[in-house]
Amino acid sequence: MDKPVKVTIFDHEYLIKSDEVEEHVQEIAQFVNNLFEEINNNTEGLSEVKTAILAAFHIASDYLHIARDRDDILKDIQKRAKSLNYQIDSVVK
């Protein structure tokens, strides 16, 4: 976190301190900005706060789906590894 990164989200500038490289911070800001614009263009009359809440909800939903998928994949890998270990042990013994 040497120096803050200036980003623009929904026509507002922010200084973001992060351990991430500047390009990644800008990529995140662009993602958030695009989501804000999409919500704003598809829904009339929302305040910036409500737009931010909908964006946060959308991001959290995506995150939870991905986390659940990751957990399912890890469980499947563990199950397969256990099965392979059992098969190896049965041949070796």
N, C-alpha and C. Protein backbone atom coordinates (compact mmCIF):
# COMPACT_ATOMS: atom_id res chain seq x y z
N MET A 1 0.83 -1.19 0.00
CA MET A 1 0.00 0.00 0.00
C MET A 1 0.87 1.25 0.00
N ASP A 2 1.66 1.39 -1.03
CA ASP A 2 2.54 2.54 -1.10
C ASP A 2 1.77 3.84 -1.27
N LYS A 3 0.94 3.89 -2.30
CA LYS A 3 0.14 5.09 -2.51
C LYS A 3 -1.26 4.70 -2.96
N PRO A 4 -2.23 5.53 -2.63
CA PRO A 4 -3.60 5.21 -3.03
C PRO A 4 -3.77 5.29 -4.55
N VAL A 5 -4.73 4.53 -5.05
CA VAL A 5 -5.05 4.52 -6.47
C VAL A 5 -6.33 5.31 -6.67
N LYS A 6 -6.31 6.24 -7.62
CA LYS A 6 -7.51 7.02 -7.91
C LYS A 6 -8.36 6.26 -8.91
N VAL A 7 -9.63 6.03 -8.53
CA VAL A 7 -10.57 5.35 -9.40
C VAL A 7 -11.82 6.20 -9.53
N THR A 8 -12.57 5.96 -10.59
CA THR A 8 -13.84 6.66 -10.80
C THR A 8 -14.95 5.62 -10.88
N ILE A 9 -15.93 5.80 -10.02
CA ILE A 9 -17.10 4.93 -10.01
C ILE A 9 -18.34 5.80 -9.99
N PHE A 10 -19.15 5.65 -11.01
CA PHE A 10 -20.41 6.38 -11.11
C PHE A 10 -20.19 7.89 -11.01
N ASP A 11 -19.20 8.35 -11.75
CA ASP A 11 -18.83 9.78 -11.85
C ASP A 11 -18.29 10.37 -10.55
N HIS A 12 -17.86 9.54 -9.62
CA HIS A 12 -17.23 10.02 -8.39
C HIS A 12 -15.82 9.45 -8.32
N GLU A 13 -14.89 10.29 -7.92
CA GLU A 13 -13.51 9.83 -7.78
C GLU A 13 -13.26 9.39 -6.34
N TYR A 14 -12.53 8.29 -6.20
CA TYR A 14 -12.17 7.75 -4.90
C TYR A 14 -10.68 7.41 -4.90
N LEU A 15 -10.07 7.55 -3.75
CA LEU A 15 -8.70 7.09 -3.55
C LEU A 15 -8.79 5.78 -2.78
N ILE A 16 -8.27 4.72 -3.38
CA ILE A 16 -8.36 3.38 -2.81
C ILE A 16 -6.97 2.94 -2.37
N LYS A 17 -6.84 2.58 -1.11
CA LYS A 17 -5.61 1.97 -0.62
C LYS A 17 -5.80 0.47 -0.65
N SER A 18 -4.85 -0.23 -1.25
CA SER A 18 -4.98 -1.67 -1.39
C SER A 18 -3.61 -2.31 -1.50
N ASP A 19 -3.55 -3.58 -1.13
CA ASP A 19 -2.33 -4.35 -1.32
C ASP A 19 -2.24 -4.87 -2.76
N GLU A 20 -3.30 -4.71 -3.52
CA GLU A 20 -3.33 -5.16 -4.91
C GLU A 20 -2.56 -4.17 -5.80
N VAL A 21 -2.11 -4.68 -6.95
CA VAL A 21 -1.44 -3.80 -7.91
C VAL A 21 -2.47 -2.85 -8.51
N GLU A 22 -2.01 -1.72 -8.97
CA GLU A 22 -2.90 -0.67 -9.47
C GLU A 22 -3.82 -1.17 -10.58
N GLU A 23 -3.30 -1.99 -11.48
CA GLU A 23 -4.11 -2.49 -12.59
C GLU A 23 -5.30 -3.31 -12.08
N HIS A 24 -5.07 -4.08 -11.02
CA HIS A 24 -6.16 -4.89 -10.46
C HIS A 24 -7.20 -4.01 -9.78
N VAL A 25 -6.75 -2.99 -9.08
CA VAL A 25 -7.68 -2.04 -8.44
C VAL A 25 -8.53 -1.36 -9.51
N GLN A 26 -7.90 -0.95 -10.61
CA GLN A 26 -8.64 -0.31 -11.70
C GLN A 26 -9.63 -1.28 -12.33
N GLU A 27 -9.24 -2.54 -12.46
CA GLU A 27 -10.13 -3.55 -13.02
C GLU A 27 -11.36 -3.75 -12.13
N ILE A 28 -11.15 -3.79 -10.83
CA ILE A 28 -12.27 -3.92 -9.89
C ILE A 28 -13.18 -2.70 -9.99
N ALA A 29 -12.58 -1.52 -10.01
CA ALA A 29 -13.37 -0.28 -10.11
C ALA A 29 -14.18 -0.26 -11.39
N GLN A 30 -13.60 -0.72 -12.49
CA GLN A 30 -14.32 -0.75 -13.77
C GLN A 30 -15.48 -1.73 -13.71
N PHE A 31 -15.26 -2.87 -13.06
CA PHE A 31 -16.33 -3.86 -12.89
C PHE A 31 -17.50 -3.26 -12.10
N VAL A 32 -17.18 -2.62 -10.98
CA VAL A 32 -18.21 -2.00 -10.14
C VAL A 32 -18.91 -0.89 -10.90
N ASN A 33 -18.16 -0.07 -11.60
CA ASN A 33 -18.74 1.03 -12.37
C ASN A 33 -19.68 0.49 -13.44
N ASN A 34 -19.26 -0.55 -14.16
CA ASN A 34 -20.12 -1.13 -15.20
C ASN A 34 -21.42 -1.68 -14.61
N LEU A 35 -21.31 -2.30 -13.45
CA LEU A 35 -22.50 -2.84 -12.78
C LEU A 35 -23.43 -1.71 -12.35
N PHE A 36 -22.88 -0.64 -11.79
CA PHE A 36 -23.68 0.53 -11.42
C PHE A 36 -24.41 1.07 -12.64
N GLU A 37 -23.70 1.23 -13.74
CA GLU A 37 -24.30 1.77 -14.96
C GLU A 37 -25.40 0.86 -15.49
N GLU A 38 -25.16 -0.45 -15.46
CA GLU A 38 -26.17 -1.41 -15.92
C GLU A 38 -27.43 -1.31 -15.07
N ILE A 39 -27.27 -1.28 -13.76
CA ILE A 39 -28.42 -1.16 -12.86
C ILE A 39 -29.13 0.17 -13.09
N ASN A 40 -28.37 1.23 -13.20
CA ASN A 40 -28.94 2.57 -13.41
C ASN A 40 -29.71 2.65 -14.73
N ASN A 41 -29.18 2.03 -15.78
CA ASN A 41 -29.84 2.07 -17.09
C ASN A 41 -31.09 1.21 -17.15
N ASN A 42 -31.15 0.17 -16.32
CA ASN A 42 -32.28 -0.75 -16.37
C ASN A 42 -33.36 -0.46 -15.32
N THR A 43 -33.08 0.45 -14.42
CA THR A 43 -34.03 0.75 -13.35
C THR A 43 -34.12 2.26 -13.19
N GLU A 44 -35.33 2.78 -13.39
CA GLU A 44 -35.50 4.24 -13.30
C GLU A 44 -35.70 4.71 -11.87
N GLY A 45 -35.16 5.88 -11.58
CA GLY A 45 -35.45 6.55 -10.33
C GLY A 45 -34.75 6.05 -9.10
N LEU A 46 -33.73 5.22 -9.25
CA LEU A 46 -33.01 4.75 -8.07
C LEU A 46 -31.98 5.77 -7.62
N SER A 47 -31.89 5.94 -6.32
CA SER A 47 -30.83 6.79 -5.78
C SER A 47 -29.51 6.05 -5.91
N GLU A 48 -28.42 6.79 -5.73
CA GLU A 48 -27.10 6.16 -5.78
C GLU A 48 -26.96 5.12 -4.67
N VAL A 49 -27.54 5.39 -3.53
CA VAL A 49 -27.46 4.45 -2.41
C VAL A 49 -28.17 3.15 -2.77
N LYS A 50 -29.36 3.24 -3.32
CA LYS A 50 -30.09 2.04 -3.70
C LYS A 50 -29.39 1.30 -4.84
N THR A 51 -28.79 2.05 -5.76
CA THR A 51 -28.01 1.44 -6.82
C THR A 51 -26.83 0.68 -6.23
N ALA A 52 -26.17 1.29 -5.24
CA ALA A 52 -25.02 0.63 -4.58
C ALA A 52 -25.47 -0.63 -3.84
N ILE A 53 -26.63 -0.58 -3.20
CA ILE A 53 -27.13 -1.75 -2.48
C ILE A 53 -27.45 -2.87 -3.46
N LEU A 54 -28.08 -2.56 -4.59
CA LEU A 54 -28.37 -3.58 -5.60
C LEU A 54 -27.08 -4.16 -6.17
N ALA A 55 -26.09 -3.30 -6.41
CA ALA A 55 -24.80 -3.77 -6.92
C ALA A 55 -24.13 -4.70 -5.90
N ALA A 56 -24.14 -4.30 -4.64
CA ALA A 56 -23.55 -5.14 -3.59
C ALA A 56 -24.28 -6.47 -3.50
N PHE A 57 -25.59 -6.45 -3.61
CA PHE A 57 -26.38 -7.68 -3.57
C PHE A 57 -26.01 -8.60 -4.73
N HIS A 58 -25.88 -8.01 -5.92
CA HIS A 58 -25.53 -8.77 -7.12
C HIS A 58 -24.13 -9.40 -6.96
N ILE A 59 -23.18 -8.62 -6.49
CA ILE A 59 -21.81 -9.11 -6.30
C ILE A 59 -21.78 -10.20 -5.23
N ALA A 60 -22.50 -9.99 -4.13
CA ALA A 60 -22.54 -11.00 -3.06
C ALA A 60 -23.19 -12.28 -3.56
N SER A 61 -24.23 -12.17 -4.35
CA SER A 61 -24.90 -13.35 -4.90
C SER A 61 -23.94 -14.14 -5.78
N ASP A 62 -23.25 -13.44 -6.68
CA ASP A 62 -22.27 -14.11 -7.54
C ASP A 62 -21.18 -14.77 -6.71
N TYR A 63 -20.69 -14.07 -5.71
CA TYR A 63 -19.64 -14.61 -4.85
C TYR A 63 -20.10 -15.89 -4.14
N LEU A 64 -21.30 -15.87 -3.59
CA LEU A 64 -21.81 -17.03 -2.86
C LEU A 64 -22.03 -18.23 -3.79
N HIS A 65 -22.50 -17.97 -5.02
CA HIS A 65 -22.66 -19.05 -5.99
C HIS A 65 -21.29 -19.67 -6.33
N ILE A 66 -20.31 -18.82 -6.55
CA ILE A 66 -18.97 -19.30 -6.88
C ILE A 66 -18.36 -20.05 -5.70
N ALA A 67 -18.53 -19.53 -4.50
CA ALA A 67 -18.00 -20.20 -3.30
C ALA A 67 -18.65 -21.56 -3.12
N ARG A 68 -19.95 -21.64 -3.35
CA ARG A 68 -20.67 -22.92 -3.23
C ARG A 68 -20.17 -23.90 -4.29
N ASP A 69 -20.00 -23.41 -5.52
CA ASP A 69 -19.48 -24.27 -6.59
C ASP A 69 -18.08 -24.76 -6.25
N ARG A 70 -17.24 -23.88 -5.71
CA ARG A 70 -15.88 -24.25 -5.32
C ARG A 70 -15.91 -25.33 -4.24
N ASP A 71 -16.78 -25.15 -3.25
CA ASP A 71 -16.90 -26.15 -2.19
C ASP A 71 -17.34 -27.51 -2.75
N ASP A 72 -18.27 -27.49 -3.69
CA ASP A 72 -18.73 -28.73 -4.31
C ASP A 72 -17.60 -29.41 -5.08
N ILE A 73 -16.81 -28.62 -5.79
CA ILE A 73 -15.67 -29.16 -6.53
C ILE A 73 -14.64 -29.75 -5.58
N LEU A 74 -14.36 -29.05 -4.48
CA LEU A 74 -13.40 -29.56 -3.50
C LEU A 74 -13.87 -30.88 -2.88
N LYS A 75 -15.16 -30.95 -2.57
CA LYS A 75 -15.71 -32.20 -2.02
C LYS A 75 -15.58 -33.34 -3.03
N ASP A 76 -15.83 -33.04 -4.30
CA ASP A 76 -15.71 -34.06 -5.34
C ASP A 76 -14.26 -34.51 -5.48
N ILE A 77 -13.32 -33.58 -5.45
CA ILE A 77 -11.90 -33.92 -5.54
C ILE A 77 -11.49 -34.78 -4.35
N GLN A 78 -11.93 -34.41 -3.15
CA GLN A 78 -11.59 -35.20 -1.97
C GLN A 78 -12.17 -36.60 -2.06
N LYS A 79 -13.40 -36.71 -2.55
CA LYS A 79 -14.04 -38.02 -2.70
C LYS A 79 -13.27 -38.87 -3.70
N ARG A 80 -12.88 -38.28 -4.83
CA ARG A 80 -12.14 -39.02 -5.85
C ARG A 80 -10.75 -39.41 -5.34
N ALA A 81 -10.09 -38.51 -4.62
CA ALA A 81 -8.76 -38.81 -4.07
C ALA A 81 -8.85 -39.97 -3.07
N LYS A 82 -9.88 -39.94 -2.25
CA LYS A 82 -10.06 -41.01 -1.26
C LYS A 82 -10.29 -42.35 -1.98
N SER A 83 -11.09 -42.32 -3.03
CA SER A 83 -11.35 -43.53 -3.81
C SER A 83 -10.07 -44.04 -4.47
N LEU A 84 -9.29 -43.14 -5.04
CA LEU A 84 -8.03 -43.53 -5.67
C LEU A 84 -7.05 -44.09 -4.64
N ASN A 85 -6.98 -43.46 -3.48
CA ASN A 85 -6.11 -43.96 -2.41
C ASN A 85 -6.54 -45.36 -1.99
N TYR A 86 -7.82 -45.59 -1.89
CA TYR A 86 -8.33 -46.91 -1.52
C TYR A 86 -7.93 -47.95 -2.58
N GLN A 87 -8.10 -47.57 -3.87
CA GLN A 87 -7.74 -48.48 -4.94
C GLN A 87 -6.25 -48.78 -4.95
N ILE A 88 -5.43 -47.77 -4.73
CA ILE A 88 -3.97 -47.96 -4.68
C ILE A 88 -3.61 -48.86 -3.50
N ASP A 89 -4.18 -48.57 -2.35
CA ASP A 89 -3.89 -49.39 -1.17
C ASP A 89 -4.30 -50.85 -1.37
N SER A 90 -5.42 -51.07 -2.05
CA SER A 90 -5.88 -52.45 -2.25
C SER A 90 -4.96 -53.21 -3.20
N VAL A 91 -4.31 -52.53 -4.13
CA VAL A 91 -3.40 -53.18 -5.07
C VAL A 91 -2.03 -53.39 -4.42
N VAL A 92 -1.58 -52.42 -3.66
CA VAL A 92 -0.25 -52.46 -3.05
C VAL A 92 -0.19 -53.48 -1.94
N LYS A 93 -1.24 -53.66 -1.18
CA LYS A 93 -1.23 -54.57 -0.03
C LYS A 93 -1.38 -55.98 -0.41
